[in-house]
Amino acid sequence: MAGWVHMKVELIKGGMAKYGIKNPIFKPSPIVPTYNNYLIFEGISVDEAGKQHYLDVNLAYKQACLNAINYLTKFGYSPAQGYSLLGSAPVQGHISGVVDIPNACATLWLPTEIFDFDINPSASGPIKHLDGSIDLPIALDK
């Protein structure tokens, strides 16, 4: 994907102490991608084996991501392509509920306008648009 990055960094001597924070703060770009239509995937703090992890928000977000990846495979993406897409698309992650035991809930908002075809659910089911002839190479850990 072609692109460019323009960054401006301003260091404030003793800024962490001045502002009472432990981690850096950032301001977003004034140029923000604007999308109006999203498909929202939910995850709760129950792992793939069905084990309850109570208020584990990390697991809840992982489950939302896995739900999105599995959904995208129905349209012809490989799991690796779905994973890569979520890592590069302007998705939004939300902690949607850490209110009550047993579950935490997290959501992943995927903008539908980034696709060349309709990924919205319908009564007729998903239509496979990709034939699987192109896949991402998987780097083996050494």
C-alpha atoms as a PDB file:
ATOM      1  CA  MET A   1       0.000   0.000   0.000  1.00  0.00           C
ATOM      2  CA  ALA A   2       1.439   3.351  -0.971  1.00  0.00           C
ATOM      3  CA  GLY A   3       1.400   6.152   1.551  1.00  0.00           C
ATOM      4  CA  TRP A   4       3.374   8.676   3.508  1.00  0.00           C
ATOM      5  CA  VAL A   5       3.728   9.760   7.103  1.00  0.00           C
ATOM      6  CA  HIS A   6       4.195  13.281   8.407  1.00  0.00           C
ATOM      7  CA  MET A   7       5.069  13.439  12.086  1.00  0.00           C
ATOM      8  CA  LYS A   8       5.783  16.278  14.435  1.00  0.00           C
ATOM      9  CA  VAL A   9       7.203  15.496  17.849  1.00  0.00           C
ATOM     10  CA  GLU A  10       7.352  17.957  20.692  1.00  0.00           C
ATOM     11  CA  LEU A  11       9.153  16.913  23.841  1.00  0.00           C
ATOM     12  CA  ILE A  12       8.319  18.701  27.062  1.00  0.00           C
ATOM     13  CA  LYS A  13      11.088  18.434  29.621  1.00  0.00           C
ATOM     14  CA  GLY A  14       9.571  16.910  32.769  1.00  0.00           C
ATOM     15  CA  GLY A  15       6.226  16.664  30.983  1.00  0.00           C
ATOM     16  CA  MET A  16       5.237  13.360  32.538  1.00  0.00           C
ATOM     17  CA  ALA A  17       5.545  14.823  36.032  1.00  0.00           C
ATOM     18  CA  LYS A  18       3.955  18.150  35.009  1.00  0.00           C
ATOM     19  CA  TYR A  19       0.849  16.422  33.694  1.00  0.00           C
ATOM     20  CA  GLY A  20       0.728  13.554  36.183  1.00  0.00           C
ATOM     21  CA  ILE A  21       0.804  10.764  33.604  1.00  0.00           C
ATOM     22  CA  LYS A  22       2.884   7.607  33.179  1.00  0.00           C
ATOM     23  CA  ASN A  23       2.602   7.075  29.415  1.00  0.00           C
ATOM     24  CA  PRO A  24       2.865   9.351  26.372  1.00  0.00           C
ATOM     25  CA  ILE A  25      -0.153  11.206  25.026  1.00  0.00           C
ATOM     26  CA  PHE A  26      -0.881  11.820  21.360  1.00  0.00           C
ATOM     27  CA  LYS A  27      -3.009  14.109  19.235  1.00  0.00           C
ATOM     28  CA  PRO A  28      -4.576  12.590  16.137  1.00  0.00           C
ATOM     29  CA  SER A  29      -4.157  14.023  12.673  1.00  0.00           C
ATOM     30  CA  PRO A  30      -6.690  16.639  11.600  1.00  0.00           C
ATOM     31  CA  ILE A  31      -7.208  14.417   8.553  1.00  0.00           C
ATOM     32  CA  VAL A  32      -9.462  11.644   9.773  1.00  0.00           C
ATOM     33  CA  PRO A  33     -10.931   8.869   7.640  1.00  0.00           C
ATOM     34  CA  THR A  34     -14.682   9.272   7.716  1.00  0.00           C
ATOM     35  CA  TYR A  35     -16.867   6.213   7.400  1.00  0.00           C
ATOM     36  CA  ASN A  36     -20.589   6.004   7.980  1.00  0.00           C
ATOM     37  CA  ASN A  37     -21.294   2.287   7.766  1.00  0.00           C
ATOM     38  CA  TYR A  38     -19.749  -0.320  10.026  1.00  0.00           C
ATOM     39  CA  LEU A  39     -20.213  -3.963  10.743  1.00  0.00           C
ATOM     40  CA  ILE A  40     -19.671  -4.470  14.465  1.00  0.00           C
ATOM     41  CA  PHE A  41     -18.298  -7.741  15.792  1.00  0.00           C
ATOM     42  CA  GLU A  42     -18.689  -8.559  19.477  1.00  0.00           C
ATOM     43  CA  GLY A  43     -16.552 -10.688  21.726  1.00  0.00           C
ATOM     44  CA  ILE A  44     -16.982 -11.746  25.328  1.00  0.00           C
ATOM     45  CA  SER A  45     -14.526 -13.109  27.867  1.00  0.00           C
ATOM     46  CA  VAL A  46     -15.090 -16.774  27.029  1.00  0.00           C
ATOM     47  CA  ASP A  47     -12.256 -18.584  25.231  1.00  0.00           C
ATOM     48  CA  GLU A  48     -12.475 -20.900  22.212  1.00  0.00           C
ATOM     49  CA  ALA A  49     -12.886 -23.948  24.465  1.00  0.00           C
ATOM     50  CA  GLY A  50     -15.851 -22.348  26.245  1.00  0.00           C
ATOM     51  CA  LYS A  51     -13.960 -21.517  29.448  1.00  0.00           C
ATOM     52  CA  GLN A  52     -15.166 -18.411  31.254  1.00  0.00           C
ATOM     53  CA  HIS A  53     -12.452 -15.856  32.014  1.00  0.00           C
ATOM     54  CA  TYR A  54     -14.798 -13.407  33.706  1.00  0.00           C
ATOM     55  CA  LEU A  55     -13.872  -9.765  33.146  1.00  0.00           C
ATOM     56  CA  ASP A  56     -10.908 -10.337  30.808  1.00  0.00           C
ATOM     57  CA  VAL A  57     -11.231  -7.516  28.272  1.00  0.00           C
ATOM     58  CA  ASN A  58      -8.175  -8.673  26.332  1.00  0.00           C
ATOM     59  CA  LEU A  59      -9.833 -12.007  25.666  1.00  0.00           C
ATOM     60  CA  ALA A  60     -13.118 -10.302  24.795  1.00  0.00           C
ATOM     61  CA  TYR A  61     -11.378  -8.172  22.142  1.00  0.00           C
ATOM     62  CA  LYS A  62      -9.514 -11.219  20.825  1.00  0.00           C
ATOM     63  CA  GLN A  63     -12.862 -12.988  20.413  1.00  0.00           C
ATOM     64  CA  ALA A  64     -14.283  -9.969  18.541  1.00  0.00           C
ATOM     65  CA  CYS A  65     -11.266 -10.092  16.191  1.00  0.00           C
ATOM     66  CA  LEU A  66     -11.622 -13.846  15.676  1.00  0.00           C
ATOM     67  CA  ASN A  67     -15.329 -13.381  14.902  1.00  0.00           C
ATOM     68  CA  ALA A  68     -14.460 -10.754  12.274  1.00  0.00           C
ATOM     69  CA  ILE A  69     -11.737 -12.941  10.735  1.00  0.00           C
ATOM     70  CA  ASN A  70     -14.041 -15.980  10.571  1.00  0.00           C
ATOM     71  CA  TYR A  71     -16.767 -13.818   9.015  1.00  0.00           C
ATOM     72  CA  LEU A  72     -14.369 -12.521   6.336  1.00  0.00           C
ATOM     73  CA  THR A  73     -13.374 -16.071   5.371  1.00  0.00           C
ATOM     74  CA  LYS A  74     -16.960 -16.610   4.170  1.00  0.00           C
ATOM     75  CA  PHE A  75     -16.296 -14.030   1.432  1.00  0.00           C
ATOM     76  CA  GLY A  76     -13.110 -15.791   0.266  1.00  0.00           C
ATOM     77  CA  TYR A  77     -10.422 -14.213   2.444  1.00  0.00           C
ATOM     78  CA  SER A  78      -7.960 -16.608   4.054  1.00  0.00           C
ATOM     79  CA  PRO A  79      -7.610 -16.312   7.843  1.00  0.00           C
ATOM     80  CA  ALA A  80      -4.173 -14.703   7.292  1.00  0.00           C
ATOM     81  CA  GLN A  81      -5.690 -12.145   4.923  1.00  0.00           C
ATOM     82  CA  GLY A  82      -8.475 -11.381   7.409  1.00  0.00           C
ATOM     83  CA  TYR A  83      -5.916 -10.909  10.173  1.00  0.00           C
ATOM     84  CA  SER A  84      -3.815  -8.621   7.976  1.00  0.00           C
ATOM     85  CA  LEU A  85      -6.869  -6.666   6.913  1.00  0.00           C
ATOM     86  CA  LEU A  86      -7.805  -5.987  10.538  1.00  0.00           C
ATOM     87  CA  GLY A  87      -4.243  -4.852  11.198  1.00  0.00           C
ATOM     88  CA  SER A  88      -4.242  -2.336   8.372  1.00  0.00           C
ATOM     89  CA  ALA A  89      -7.860  -1.205   7.992  1.00  0.00           C
ATOM     90  CA  PRO A  90      -9.220   1.726   9.982  1.00  0.00           C
ATOM     91  CA  VAL A  91     -11.087  -0.478  12.457  1.00  0.00           C
ATOM     92  CA  GLN A  92     -12.254   0.820  15.802  1.00  0.00           C
ATOM     93  CA  GLY A  93     -11.927  -1.231  18.955  1.00  0.00           C
ATOM     94  CA  HIS A  94     -14.264  -0.502  21.860  1.00  0.00           C
ATOM     95  CA  ILE A  95     -14.473  -1.801  25.368  1.00  0.00           C
ATOM     96  CA  SER A  96     -18.214  -2.093  25.378  1.00  0.00           C
ATOM     97  CA  GLY A  97     -18.941  -3.397  28.818  1.00  0.00           C
ATOM     98  CA  VAL A  98     -17.076  -4.236  31.987  1.00  0.00           C
ATOM     99  CA  VAL A  99     -20.033  -3.897  34.251  1.00  0.00           C
ATOM    100  CA  ASP A 100     -20.950  -7.131  35.845  1.00  0.00           C
ATOM    101  CA  ILE A 101     -19.575 -10.614  36.299  1.00  0.00           C
ATOM    102  CA  PRO A 102     -19.284 -12.894  34.404  1.00  0.00           C
ATOM    103  CA  ASN A 103     -18.487 -11.240  31.061  1.00  0.00           C
ATOM    104  CA  ALA A 104     -16.518  -8.367  29.679  1.00  0.00           C
ATOM    105  CA  CYS A 105     -17.619  -7.294  26.221  1.00  0.00           C
ATOM    106  CA  ALA A 106     -15.495  -5.720  23.495  1.00  0.00           C
ATOM    107  CA  THR A 107     -16.424  -4.772  19.956  1.00  0.00           C
ATOM    108  CA  LEU A 108     -14.542  -4.320  16.720  1.00  0.00           C
ATOM    109  CA  TRP A 109     -16.040  -1.857  14.237  1.00  0.00           C
ATOM    110  CA  LEU A 110     -15.145  -2.698  10.617  1.00  0.00           C
ATOM    111  CA  PRO A 111     -16.041  -0.026   8.025  1.00  0.00           C
ATOM    112  CA  THR A 112     -17.935  -1.668   5.171  1.00  0.00           C
ATOM    113  CA  GLU A 113     -17.003   1.075   2.670  1.00  0.00           C
ATOM    114  CA  ILE A 114     -13.419  -0.204   2.404  1.00  0.00           C
ATOM    115  CA  PHE A 115     -14.590  -3.270   0.457  1.00  0.00           C
ATOM    116  CA  ASP A 116     -15.264  -3.478  -3.281  1.00  0.00           C
ATOM    117  CA  PHE A 117     -18.239  -5.754  -2.575  1.00  0.00           C
ATOM    118  CA  ASP A 118     -21.027  -5.917  -0.014  1.00  0.00           C
ATOM    119  CA  ILE A 119     -20.043  -7.732   3.182  1.00  0.00           C
ATOM    120  CA  ASN A 120     -23.282  -6.991   5.025  1.00  0.00           C
ATOM    121  CA  PRO A 121     -25.231 -10.029   6.218  1.00  0.00           C
ATOM    122  CA  SER A 122     -28.286 -11.001   4.191  1.00  0.00           C
ATOM    123  CA  ALA A 123     -30.878 -13.765   4.184  1.00  0.00           C
ATOM    124  CA  SER A 124     -29.238 -15.343   1.143  1.00  0.00           C
ATOM    125  CA  GLY A 125     -25.930 -15.749   3.005  1.00  0.00           C
ATOM    126  CA  PRO A 126     -22.423 -14.648   2.110  1.00  0.00           C
ATOM    127  CA  ILE A 127     -21.279 -14.569  -1.498  1.00  0.00           C
ATOM    128  CA  LYS A 128     -17.690 -15.670  -2.023  1.00  0.00           C
ATOM    129  CA  HIS A 129     -15.988 -12.883  -3.989  1.00  0.00           C
ATOM    130  CA  LEU A 130     -12.387 -14.054  -3.734  1.00  0.00           C
ATOM    131  CA  ASP A 131     -11.158 -17.330  -5.191  1.00  0.00           C
ATOM    132  CA  GLY A 132      -8.202 -17.875  -2.872  1.00  0.00           C
ATOM    133  CA  SER A 133      -5.679 -17.690  -5.704  1.00  0.00           C
ATOM    134  CA  ILE A 134      -3.746 -14.954  -3.897  1.00  0.00           C
ATOM    135  CA  ASP A 135      -2.703 -15.437  -0.292  1.00  0.00           C
ATOM    136  CA  LEU A 136      -0.288 -13.889   2.109  1.00  0.00           C
ATOM    137  CA  PRO A 137       3.011 -15.624   2.637  1.00  0.00           C
ATOM    138  CA  ILE A 138       3.363 -16.786   6.201  1.00  0.00           C
ATOM    139  CA  ALA A 139       6.767 -16.161   7.738  1.00  0.00           C
ATOM    140  CA  LEU A 140       7.881 -19.150   9.729  1.00  0.00           C
ATOM    141  CA  ASP A 141       9.310 -18.413  13.161  1.00  0.00           C
ATOM    142  CA  LYS A 142      12.926 -19.465  13.481  1.00  0.00           C
END
